[in-house]
PDB file of N, CA and C in Angstrom:
ATOM      1  N   MET A   1     -79.295  96.788  28.243  1.00  0.00           N
ATOM      2  CA  MET A   1     -78.467  97.242  29.191  1.00  0.00           C
ATOM      3  C   MET A   1     -77.065  96.995  28.746  1.00  0.00           C
ATOM      4  N   GLU A   2     -76.005  97.561  28.947  1.00  0.00           N
ATOM      5  CA  GLU A   2     -74.919  97.697  28.780  1.00  0.00           C
ATOM      6  C   GLU A   2     -74.199  96.618  29.345  1.00  0.00           C
ATOM      7  N   SER A   3     -73.183  95.776  28.663  1.00  0.00           N
ATOM      8  CA  SER A   3     -72.372  94.961  29.568  1.00  0.00           C
ATOM      9  C   SER A   3     -70.930  95.597  29.984  1.00  0.00           C
ATOM     10  N   ASN A   4     -70.947  95.679  31.263  1.00  0.00           N
ATOM     11  CA  ASN A   4     -69.951  96.134  31.821  1.00  0.00           C
ATOM     12  C   ASN A   4     -68.860  95.205  32.273  1.00  0.00           C
ATOM     13  N   PRO A   5     -67.633  95.373  32.228  1.00  0.00           N
ATOM     14  CA  PRO A   5     -66.895  94.380  32.591  1.00  0.00           C
ATOM     15  C   PRO A   5     -66.713  94.067  34.151  1.00  0.00           C
ATOM     16  N   ASN A   6     -67.021  95.271  34.606  1.00  0.00           N
ATOM     17  CA  ASN A   6     -67.126  95.156  36.010  1.00  0.00           C
ATOM     18  C   ASN A   6     -68.319  94.531  37.180  1.00  0.00           C
ATOM     19  N   ASP A   7     -69.324  94.021  35.836  1.00  0.00           N
ATOM     20  CA  ASP A   7     -70.543  93.500  36.777  1.00  0.00           C
ATOM     21  C   ASP A   7     -69.853  92.290  37.759  1.00  0.00           C
ATOM     22  N   TYR A   8     -70.926  91.825  38.307  1.00  0.00           N
ATOM     23  CA  TYR A   8     -70.747  90.803  39.374  1.00  0.00           C
ATOM     24  C   TYR A   8     -71.757  89.700  38.742  1.00  0.00           C
ATOM     25  N   HIS A   9     -71.957  89.385  37.329  1.00  0.00           N
ATOM     26  CA  HIS A   9     -72.732  88.412  36.891  1.00  0.00           C
ATOM     27  C   HIS A   9     -71.419  87.318  36.825  1.00  0.00           C
ATOM     28  N   ILE A  10     -71.589  86.239  37.666  1.00  0.00           N
ATOM     29  CA  ILE A  10     -70.826  85.024  37.335  1.00  0.00           C
ATOM     30  C   ILE A  10     -71.451  83.827  37.119  1.00  0.00           C
ATOM     31  N   SER A  11     -71.103  83.115  35.904  1.00  0.00           N
ATOM     32  CA  SER A  11     -71.347  82.049  35.535  1.00  0.00           C
ATOM     33  C   SER A  11     -70.407  80.968  35.674  1.00  0.00           C
ATOM     34  N   PHE A  12     -70.880  79.703  36.266  1.00  0.00           N
ATOM     35  CA  PHE A  12     -69.945  78.622  36.138  1.00  0.00           C
ATOM     36  C   PHE A  12     -69.804  78.127  34.733  1.00  0.00           C
ATOM     37  N   PHE A  13     -70.358  78.023  33.881  1.00  0.00           N
ATOM     38  CA  PHE A  13     -70.552  77.485  32.720  1.00  0.00           C
ATOM     39  C   PHE A  13     -69.954  78.267  31.461  1.00  0.00           C
ATOM     40  N   LYS A  14     -70.064  79.385  31.482  1.00  0.00           N
ATOM     41  CA  LYS A  14     -69.244  80.727  30.619  1.00  0.00           C
ATOM     42  C   LYS A  14     -68.738  81.480  31.392  1.00  0.00           C
ATOM     43  N   PRO A  15     -67.565  81.104  32.148  1.00  0.00           N
ATOM     44  CA  PRO A  15     -66.964  82.258  32.853  1.00  0.00           C
ATOM     45  C   PRO A  15     -66.321  83.289  31.848  1.00  0.00           C
ATOM     46  N   THR A  16     -66.292  84.550  32.531  1.00  0.00           N
ATOM     47  CA  THR A  16     -66.045  85.807  31.778  1.00  0.00           C
ATOM     48  C   THR A  16     -64.325  86.046  32.075  1.00  0.00           C
ATOM     49  N   THR A  17     -64.138  85.539  32.871  1.00  0.00           N
ATOM     50  CA  THR A  17     -62.515  86.095  33.170  1.00  0.00           C
ATOM     51  C   THR A  17     -61.422  84.733  33.279  1.00  0.00           C
ATOM     52  N   ASP A  18     -60.359  85.074  32.918  1.00  0.00           N
ATOM     53  CA  ASP A  18     -59.322  83.949  33.018  1.00  0.00           C
ATOM     54  C   ASP A  18     -59.218  83.206  34.144  1.00  0.00           C
ATOM     55  N   SER A  19     -59.320  83.900  35.447  1.00  0.00           N
ATOM     56  CA  SER A  19     -59.158  83.088  36.611  1.00  0.00           C
ATOM     57  C   SER A  19     -60.429  82.366  36.919  1.00  0.00           C
ATOM     58  N   ALA A  20     -61.672  82.779  36.434  1.00  0.00           N
ATOM     59  CA  ALA A  20     -62.677  81.862  36.579  1.00  0.00           C
ATOM     60  C   ALA A  20     -62.795  80.823  35.589  1.00  0.00           C
ATOM     61  N   ARG A  21     -62.134  81.144  34.421  1.00  0.00           N
ATOM     62  CA  ARG A  21     -62.120  79.820  33.740  1.00  0.00           C
ATOM     63  C   ARG A  21     -61.111  78.672  34.227  1.00  0.00           C
ATOM     64  N   ARG A  22     -59.969  79.032  34.684  1.00  0.00           N
ATOM     65  CA  ARG A  22     -59.058  78.310  35.257  1.00  0.00           C
ATOM     66  C   ARG A  22     -59.600  77.525  36.490  1.00  0.00           C
ATOM     67  N   ASN A  23     -60.576  78.147  37.432  1.00  0.00           N
ATOM     68  CA  ASN A  23     -61.170  77.546  38.643  1.00  0.00           C
ATOM     69  C   ASN A  23     -62.436  76.497  38.017  1.00  0.00           C
ATOM     70  N   ARG A  24     -62.677  76.861  37.102  1.00  0.00           N
ATOM     71  CA  ARG A  24     -63.721  76.024  36.577  1.00  0.00           C
ATOM     72  C   ARG A  24     -63.222  74.533  36.105  1.00  0.00           C
ATOM     73  N   ASN A  25     -62.288  74.880  35.262  1.00  0.00           N
ATOM     74  CA  ASN A  25     -61.307  73.700  34.728  1.00  0.00           C
ATOM     75  C   ASN A  25     -61.104  72.857  35.975  1.00  0.00           C
ATOM     76  N   MET A  26     -60.395  73.468  37.001  1.00  0.00           N
ATOM     77  CA  MET A  26     -59.632  72.839  38.284  1.00  0.00           C
ATOM     78  C   MET A  26     -60.962  72.244  38.891  1.00  0.00           C
ATOM     79  N   VAL A  27     -61.994  72.786  38.929  1.00  0.00           N
ATOM     80  CA  VAL A  27     -63.343  71.884  39.540  1.00  0.00           C
ATOM     81  C   VAL A  27     -63.538  70.764  38.710  1.00  0.00           C
ATOM     82  N   ILE A  28     -63.931  71.020  37.367  1.00  0.00           N
ATOM     83  CA  ILE A  28     -64.121  69.959  36.638  1.00  0.00           C
ATOM     84  C   ILE A  28     -62.903  68.552  36.405  1.00  0.00           C
ATOM     85  N   GLN A  29     -61.684  69.068  36.622  1.00  0.00           N
ATOM     86  CA  GLN A  29     -60.586  68.122  36.522  1.00  0.00           C
ATOM     87  C   GLN A  29     -60.728  67.281  38.090  1.00  0.00           C
ATOM     88  N   LEU A  30     -61.112  68.126  39.263  1.00  0.00           N
ATOM     89  CA  LEU A  30     -61.229  67.397  40.320  1.00  0.00           C
ATOM     90  C   LEU A  30     -62.167  66.427  40.304  1.00  0.00           C
ATOM     91  N   VAL A  31     -63.508  66.726  40.072  1.00  0.00           N
ATOM     92  CA  VAL A  31     -64.706  65.783  39.954  1.00  0.00           C
ATOM     93  C   VAL A  31     -64.298  64.677  39.247  1.00  0.00           C
ATOM     94  N   LEU A  32     -63.970  64.959  38.013  1.00  0.00           N
ATOM     95  CA  LEU A  32     -63.593  63.481  37.041  1.00  0.00           C
ATOM     96  C   LEU A  32     -62.568  62.839  37.692  1.00  0.00           C
ATOM     97  N   ILE A  33     -61.444  63.480  38.499  1.00  0.00           N
ATOM     98  CA  ILE A  33     -60.524  62.480  39.291  1.00  0.00           C
ATOM     99  C   ILE A  33     -61.275  61.713  40.172  1.00  0.00           C
ATOM    100  N   TRP A  34     -62.224  62.429  41.045  1.00  0.00           N
ATOM    101  CA  TRP A  34     -62.866  61.708  42.200  1.00  0.00           C
ATOM    102  C   TRP A  34     -64.031  60.536  41.623  1.00  0.00           C
ATOM    103  N   ALA A  35     -64.512  61.017  40.341  1.00  0.00           N
ATOM    104  CA  ALA A  35     -65.452  60.060  39.725  1.00  0.00           C
ATOM    105  C   ALA A  35     -64.845  58.630  39.548  1.00  0.00           C
ATOM    106  N   ILE A  36     -63.467  58.924  38.686  1.00  0.00           N
ATOM    107  CA  ILE A  36     -62.697  57.908  38.230  1.00  0.00           C
ATOM    108  C   ILE A  36     -62.140  56.903  39.510  1.00  0.00           C
ATOM    109  N   ALA A  37     -61.813  57.816  40.461  1.00  0.00           N
ATOM    110  CA  ALA A  37     -61.554  56.815  41.437  1.00  0.00           C
ATOM    111  C   ALA A  37     -62.424  56.065  42.269  1.00  0.00           C
ATOM    112  N   ILE A  38     -63.335  56.478  42.527  1.00  0.00           N
ATOM    113  CA  ILE A  38     -64.511  55.828  43.465  1.00  0.00           C
ATOM    114  C   ILE A  38     -65.017  54.860  42.189  1.00  0.00           C
ATOM    115  N   PHE A  39     -65.483  55.062  41.171  1.00  0.00           N
ATOM    116  CA  PHE A  39     -65.936  53.966  40.607  1.00  0.00           C
ATOM    117  C   PHE A  39     -65.170  53.028  39.882  1.00  0.00           C
ATOM    118  N   GLY A  40     -63.919  53.487  39.798  1.00  0.00           N
ATOM    119  CA  GLY A  40     -62.873  52.405  39.165  1.00  0.00           C
ATOM    120  C   GLY A  40     -62.689  51.520  40.468  1.00  0.00           C
ATOM    121  N   PHE A  41     -62.508  52.193  41.319  1.00  0.00           N
ATOM    122  CA  PHE A  41     -62.140  51.121  42.761  1.00  0.00           C
ATOM    123  C   PHE A  41     -63.319  50.133  42.810  1.00  0.00           C
ATOM    124  N   GLN A  42     -64.531  50.517  42.744  1.00  0.00           N
ATOM    125  CA  GLN A  42     -65.568  49.868  42.714  1.00  0.00           C
ATOM    126  C   GLN A  42     -65.599  48.665  41.767  1.00  0.00           C
ATOM    127  N   VAL A  43     -65.296  49.148  40.397  1.00  0.00           N
ATOM    128  CA  VAL A  43     -65.327  47.916  39.197  1.00  0.00           C
ATOM    129  C   VAL A  43     -64.117  47.212  39.721  1.00  0.00           C
ATOM    130  N   SER A  44     -62.989  47.648  39.964  1.00  0.00           N
ATOM    131  CA  SER A  44     -61.987  46.444  40.233  1.00  0.00           C
ATOM    132  C   SER A  44     -62.310  45.457  41.409  1.00  0.00           C
ATOM    133  N   LEU A  45     -62.976  46.061  42.334  1.00  0.00           N
ATOM    134  CA  LEU A  45     -63.607  44.995  43.064  1.00  0.00           C
ATOM    135  C   LEU A  45     -64.355  44.086  42.961  1.00  0.00           C
ATOM    136  N   LYS A  46     -65.428  44.217  41.906  1.00  0.00           N
ATOM    137  CA  LYS A  46     -66.249  43.561  41.354  1.00  0.00           C
ATOM    138  C   LYS A  46     -65.457  42.508  40.317  1.00  0.00           C
ATOM    139  N   ILE A  47     -64.308  43.062  39.461  1.00  0.00           N
ATOM    140  CA  ILE A  47     -63.444  42.140  38.636  1.00  0.00           C
ATOM    141  C   ILE A  47     -62.638  40.991  39.495  1.00  0.00           C
ATOM    142  N   LEU A  48     -61.948  41.606  40.742  1.00  0.00           N
ATOM    143  CA  LEU A  48     -61.422  40.888  41.598  1.00  0.00           C
ATOM    144  C   LEU A  48     -61.824  40.207  42.612  1.00  0.00           C
ATOM    145  N   GLU A  49     -63.058  40.006  42.978  1.00  0.00           N
ATOM    146  CA  GLU A  49     -63.482  39.379  44.009  1.00  0.00           C
ATOM    147  C   GLU A  49     -63.873  37.781  43.486  1.00  0.00           C
ATOM    148  N   LYS A  50     -63.511  37.210  44.721  1.00  0.00           N
ATOM    149  CA  LYS A  50     -63.810  35.829  44.599  1.00  0.00           C
ATOM    150  C   LYS A  50     -64.644  35.183  45.543  1.00  0.00           C
ATOM    151  N   PRO A  51     -65.518  34.450  45.119  1.00  0.00           N
ATOM    152  CA  PRO A  51     -66.698  33.558  45.990  1.00  0.00           C
ATOM    153  C   PRO A  51     -66.008  32.991  47.124  1.00  0.00           C
ATOM    154  N   THR A  52     -66.739  33.183  48.418  1.00  0.00           N
ATOM    155  CA  THR A  52     -66.319  32.577  49.399  1.00  0.00           C
ATOM    156  C   THR A  52     -67.181  31.451  49.691  1.00  0.00           C
ATOM    157  N   PRO A  53     -66.453  30.023  49.730  1.00  0.00           N
ATOM    158  CA  PRO A  53     -67.078  28.840  49.876  1.00  0.00           C
ATOM    159  C   PRO A  53     -67.812  28.852  51.319  1.00  0.00           C
ATOM    160  N   GLU A  54     -68.863  28.551  51.382  1.00  0.00           N
ATOM    161  CA  GLU A  54     -69.575  28.398  52.412  1.00  0.00           C
ATOM    162  C   GLU A  54     -69.552  26.898  53.110  1.00  0.00           C
ATOM    163  N   ALA A  55     -69.042  26.691  54.291  1.00  0.00           N
ATOM    164  CA  ALA A  55     -68.913  25.396  55.062  1.00  0.00           C
ATOM    165  C   ALA A  55     -70.223  24.627  55.176  1.00  0.00           C
ATOM    166  N   ALA A  56     -71.221  25.451  55.842  1.00  0.00           N
ATOM    167  CA  ALA A  56     -72.537  24.636  55.819  1.00  0.00           C
ATOM    168  C   ALA A  56     -72.983  24.113  54.592  1.00  0.00           C
ATOM    169  N   TRP A  57     -72.853  25.002  53.410  1.00  0.00           N
ATOM    170  CA  TRP A  57     -73.331  24.476  52.202  1.00  0.00           C
ATOM    171  C   TRP A  57     -72.783  23.067  51.627  1.00  0.00           C
ATOM    172  N   ASP A  58     -71.253  23.172  52.176  1.00  0.00           N
ATOM    173  CA  ASP A  58     -70.596  22.107  51.303  1.00  0.00           C
ATOM    174  C   ASP A  58     -70.957  20.673  52.118  1.00  0.00           C
ATOM    175  N   ILE A  59     -71.266  20.958  53.332  1.00  0.00           N
ATOM    176  CA  ILE A  59     -71.694  19.670  54.311  1.00  0.00           C
ATOM    177  C   ILE A  59     -73.010  19.299  53.974  1.00  0.00           C
ATOM    178  N   PHE A  60     -73.976  20.300  53.625  1.00  0.00           N
ATOM    179  CA  PHE A  60     -75.106  20.157  53.210  1.00  0.00           C
ATOM    180  C   PHE A  60     -75.269  19.208  51.816  1.00  0.00           C
ATOM    181  N   GLN A  61     -74.407  19.963  50.937  1.00  0.00           N
ATOM    182  CA  GLN A  61     -74.309  19.208  49.467  1.00  0.00           C
ATOM    183  C   GLN A  61     -73.972  17.817  49.702  1.00  0.00           C
ATOM    184  N   SER A  62     -72.802  17.525  50.417  1.00  0.00           N
ATOM    185  CA  SER A  62     -72.496  16.243  50.523  1.00  0.00           C
ATOM    186  C   SER A  62     -73.463  15.013  51.114  1.00  0.00           C
ATOM    187  N   VAL A  63     -74.065  15.526  52.047  1.00  0.00           N
ATOM    188  CA  VAL A  63     -75.181  14.700  52.453  1.00  0.00           C
ATOM    189  C   VAL A  63     -76.604  14.786  52.081  1.00  0.00           C
ATOM    190  N   TRP A  64     -76.840  15.773  51.144  1.00  0.00           N
ATOM    191  CA  TRP A  64     -78.307  15.767  50.565  1.00  0.00           C
ATOM    192  C   TRP A  64     -78.538  14.547  49.642  1.00  0.00           C
ATOM    193  N   GLY A  65     -77.450  14.164  48.910  1.00  0.00           N
ATOM    194  CA  GLY A  65     -77.819  13.275  47.812  1.00  0.00           C
ATOM    195  C   GLY A  65     -78.095  12.013  48.420  1.00  0.00           C
ATOM    196  N   GLU A  66     -77.393  11.388  49.829  1.00  0.00           N
ATOM    197  CA  GLU A  66     -77.796  10.379  50.175  1.00  0.00           C
ATOM    198  C   GLU A  66     -79.166  10.437  51.026  1.00  0.00           C
ATOM    199  N   ILE A  67     -79.583  11.476  51.344  1.00  0.00           N
ATOM    200  CA  ILE A  67     -80.923  11.633  51.957  1.00  0.00           C
ATOM    201  C   ILE A  67     -81.890  11.569  50.864  1.00  0.00           C
ATOM    202  N   GLU A  68     -81.720  12.139  49.923  1.00  0.00           N
ATOM    203  CA  GLU A  68     -82.655  12.051  48.700  1.00  0.00           C
ATOM    204  C   GLU A  68     -82.927  10.556  48.097  1.00  0.00           C
ATOM    205  N   ALA A  69     -81.776   9.885  48.587  1.00  0.00           N
ATOM    206  CA  ALA A  69     -81.636   8.420  47.957  1.00  0.00           C
ATOM    207  C   ALA A  69     -82.504   7.421  49.013  1.00  0.00           C
ATOM    208  N   GLY A  70     -82.943   8.146  49.946  1.00  0.00           N
ATOM    209  CA  GLY A  70     -83.839   7.366  51.051  1.00  0.00           C
ATOM    210  C   GLY A  70     -82.847   6.708  52.353  1.00  0.00           C
ATOM    211  N   SER A  71     -81.741   7.342  52.434  1.00  0.00           N
ATOM    212  CA  SER A  71     -80.976   7.126  53.674  1.00  0.00           C
ATOM    213  C   SER A  71     -81.383   7.841  54.609  1.00  0.00           C
ATOM    214  N   THR A  72     -81.779   6.900  55.955  1.00  0.00           N
ATOM    215  CA  THR A  72     -82.156   7.539  57.347  1.00  0.00           C
ATOM    216  C   THR A  72     -81.389   7.321  58.239  1.00  0.00           C
ATOM    217  N   ASP A  73     -79.799   7.523  57.835  1.00  0.00           N
ATOM    218  CA  ASP A  73     -79.050   7.424  58.927  1.00  0.00           C
ATOM    219  C   ASP A  73     -78.853   8.554  59.836  1.00  0.00           C
ATOM    220  N   PRO A  74     -78.901   8.484  61.326  1.00  0.00           N
ATOM    221  CA  PRO A  74     -79.219   9.876  62.056  1.00  0.00           C
ATOM    222  C   PRO A  74     -78.212  10.873  61.942  1.00  0.00           C
ATOM    223  N   ASP A  75     -76.887  10.103  61.434  1.00  0.00           N
ATOM    224  CA  ASP A  75     -75.695  11.261  61.460  1.00  0.00           C
ATOM    225  C   ASP A  75     -75.853  12.109  60.387  1.00  0.00           C
ATOM    226  N   LEU A  76     -76.374  11.493  58.859  1.00  0.00           N
ATOM    227  CA  LEU A  76     -76.520  11.997  58.197  1.00  0.00           C
ATOM    228  C   LEU A  76     -77.658  13.206  58.310  1.00  0.00           C
ATOM    229  N   LEU A  77     -78.577  12.774  59.015  1.00  0.00           N
ATOM    230  CA  LEU A  77     -79.778  13.599  59.044  1.00  0.00           C
ATOM    231  C   LEU A  77     -79.354  14.833  60.150  1.00  0.00           C
ATOM    232  N   LYS A  78     -78.401  14.409  61.116  1.00  0.00           N
ATOM    233  CA  LYS A  78     -78.034  15.446  62.034  1.00  0.00           C
ATOM    234  C   LYS A  78     -76.981  16.641  61.319  1.00  0.00           C
ATOM    235  N   LYS A  79     -76.145  16.139  60.415  1.00  0.00           N
ATOM    236  CA  LYS A  79     -75.385  17.267  59.788  1.00  0.00           C
ATOM    237  C   LYS A  79     -76.345  17.881  58.833  1.00  0.00           C
ATOM    238  N   ALA A  80     -77.148  17.398  58.329  1.00  0.00           N
ATOM    239  CA  ALA A  80     -78.108  18.188  57.301  1.00  0.00           C
ATOM    240  C   ALA A  80     -78.863  19.465  58.159  1.00  0.00           C
ATOM    241  N   SER A  81     -79.407  18.694  59.074  1.00  0.00           N
ATOM    242  CA  SER A  81     -80.333  19.851  60.024  1.00  0.00           C
ATOM    243  C   SER A  81     -79.142  20.678  60.823  1.00  0.00           C
ATOM    244  N   GLN A  82     -78.132  20.222  61.112  1.00  0.00           N
ATOM    245  CA  GLN A  82     -77.156  21.286  61.540  1.00  0.00           C
ATOM    246  C   GLN A  82     -76.889  22.669  60.693  1.00  0.00           C
ATOM    247  N   SER A  83     -76.481  22.114  59.391  1.00  0.00           N
ATOM    248  CA  SER A  83     -76.195  23.192  58.176  1.00  0.00           C
ATOM    249  C   SER A  83     -77.276  24.070  57.867  1.00  0.00           C
ATOM    250  N   ALA A  84     -78.487  23.332  57.723  1.00  0.00           N
ATOM    251  CA  ALA A  84     -79.654  24.213  57.748  1.00  0.00           C
ATOM    252  C   ALA A  84     -79.957  24.879  58.684  1.00  0.00           C
ATOM    253  N   LEU A  85     -79.823  24.653  60.066  1.00  0.00           N
ATOM    254  CA  LEU A  85     -80.100  25.780  60.949  1.00  0.00           C
ATOM    255  C   LEU A  85     -78.906  26.788  61.005  1.00  0.00           C
ATOM    256  N   SER A  86     -77.600  26.488  60.808  1.00  0.00           N
ATOM    257  CA  SER A  86     -76.900  27.700  60.685  1.00  0.00           C
ATOM    258  C   SER A  86     -76.651  28.566  59.706  1.00  0.00           C
ATOM    259  N   VAL A  87     -77.371  28.258  58.416  1.00  0.00           N
ATOM    260  CA  VAL A  87     -77.726  29.253  57.514  1.00  0.00           C
ATOM    261  C   VAL A  87     -78.926  29.756  57.811  1.00  0.00           C
ATOM    262  N   LEU A  88     -79.780  29.267  58.275  1.00  0.00           N
ATOM    263  CA  LEU A  88     -81.235  29.999  58.932  1.00  0.00           C
ATOM    264  C   LEU A  88     -80.699  31.265  59.869  1.00  0.00           C
ATOM    265  N   GLY A  89     -80.038  30.682  60.647  1.00  0.00           N
ATOM    266  CA  GLY A  89     -79.485  31.579  61.966  1.00  0.00           C
ATOM    267  C   GLY A  89     -78.644  32.946  61.447  1.00  0.00           C
ATOM    268  N   LYS A  90     -78.091  32.577  60.213  1.00  0.00           N
ATOM    269  CA  LYS A  90     -77.490  33.787  59.483  1.00  0.00           C
ATOM    270  C   LYS A  90     -78.296  34.677  58.856  1.00  0.00           C
ATOM    271  N   VAL A  91     -79.237  34.168  58.179  1.00  0.00           N
ATOM    272  CA  VAL A  91     -80.373  34.775  57.708  1.00  0.00           C
ATOM    273  C   VAL A  91     -80.882  35.636  58.881  1.00  0.00           C
ATOM    274  N   GLY A  92     -81.450  35.171  59.632  1.00  0.00           N
ATOM    275  CA  GLY A  92     -82.202  35.666  61.012  1.00  0.00           C
ATOM    276  C   GLY A  92     -81.535  36.822  61.524  1.00  0.00           C
ATOM    277  N   GLN A  93     -79.793  36.700  61.324  1.00  0.00           N
ATOM    278  CA  GLN A  93     -79.175  37.891  62.004  1.00  0.00           C
ATOM    279  C   GLN A  93     -79.319  38.867  60.922  1.00  0.00           C
ATOM    280  N   ASP A  94     -79.399  38.706  59.805  1.00  0.00           N
ATOM    281  CA  ASP A  94     -79.407  39.605  58.875  1.00  0.00           C
ATOM    282  C   ASP A  94     -80.706  40.421  58.892  1.00  0.00           C
ATOM    283  N   ILE A  95     -81.652  39.782  59.056  1.00  0.00           N
ATOM    284  CA  ILE A  95     -83.012  40.472  58.985  1.00  0.00           C
ATOM    285  C   ILE A  95     -83.480  41.393  60.465  1.00  0.00           C
ATOM    286  N   CYS A  96     -83.053  40.552  61.439  1.00  0.00           N
ATOM    287  CA  CYS A  96     -83.393  41.129  62.662  1.00  0.00           C
ATOM    288  C   CYS A  96     -81.947  41.256  63.590  1.00  0.00           C
ATOM    289  N   PRO A  97     -81.472  42.538  63.547  1.00  0.00           N
ATOM    290  CA  PRO A  97     -80.061  42.562  64.038  1.00  0.00           C
ATOM    291  C   PRO A  97     -80.002  42.672  65.645  1.00  0.00           C
TER     292      PRO A  97
END
């Protein structure tokens, strides 16, 4: 068959007219801008993030060394159990909302 310029064959990858070529290029540019903006933002968040210290972990770390050494001070055991329970409570909230 002959190829007629008035055919309605439209291809995104091989545009036949100048306006179709400009539209394709604009779509490609917008998709690239979108991808760079989204993934660039995610990468910048990963680069700039700072770990948040957990207060319960700090308390547990300060007490655990003495508990391992054999101390049976009720205040130390109370602090260790409170910090462990607060962490377990947070984990339980994540699992069962």
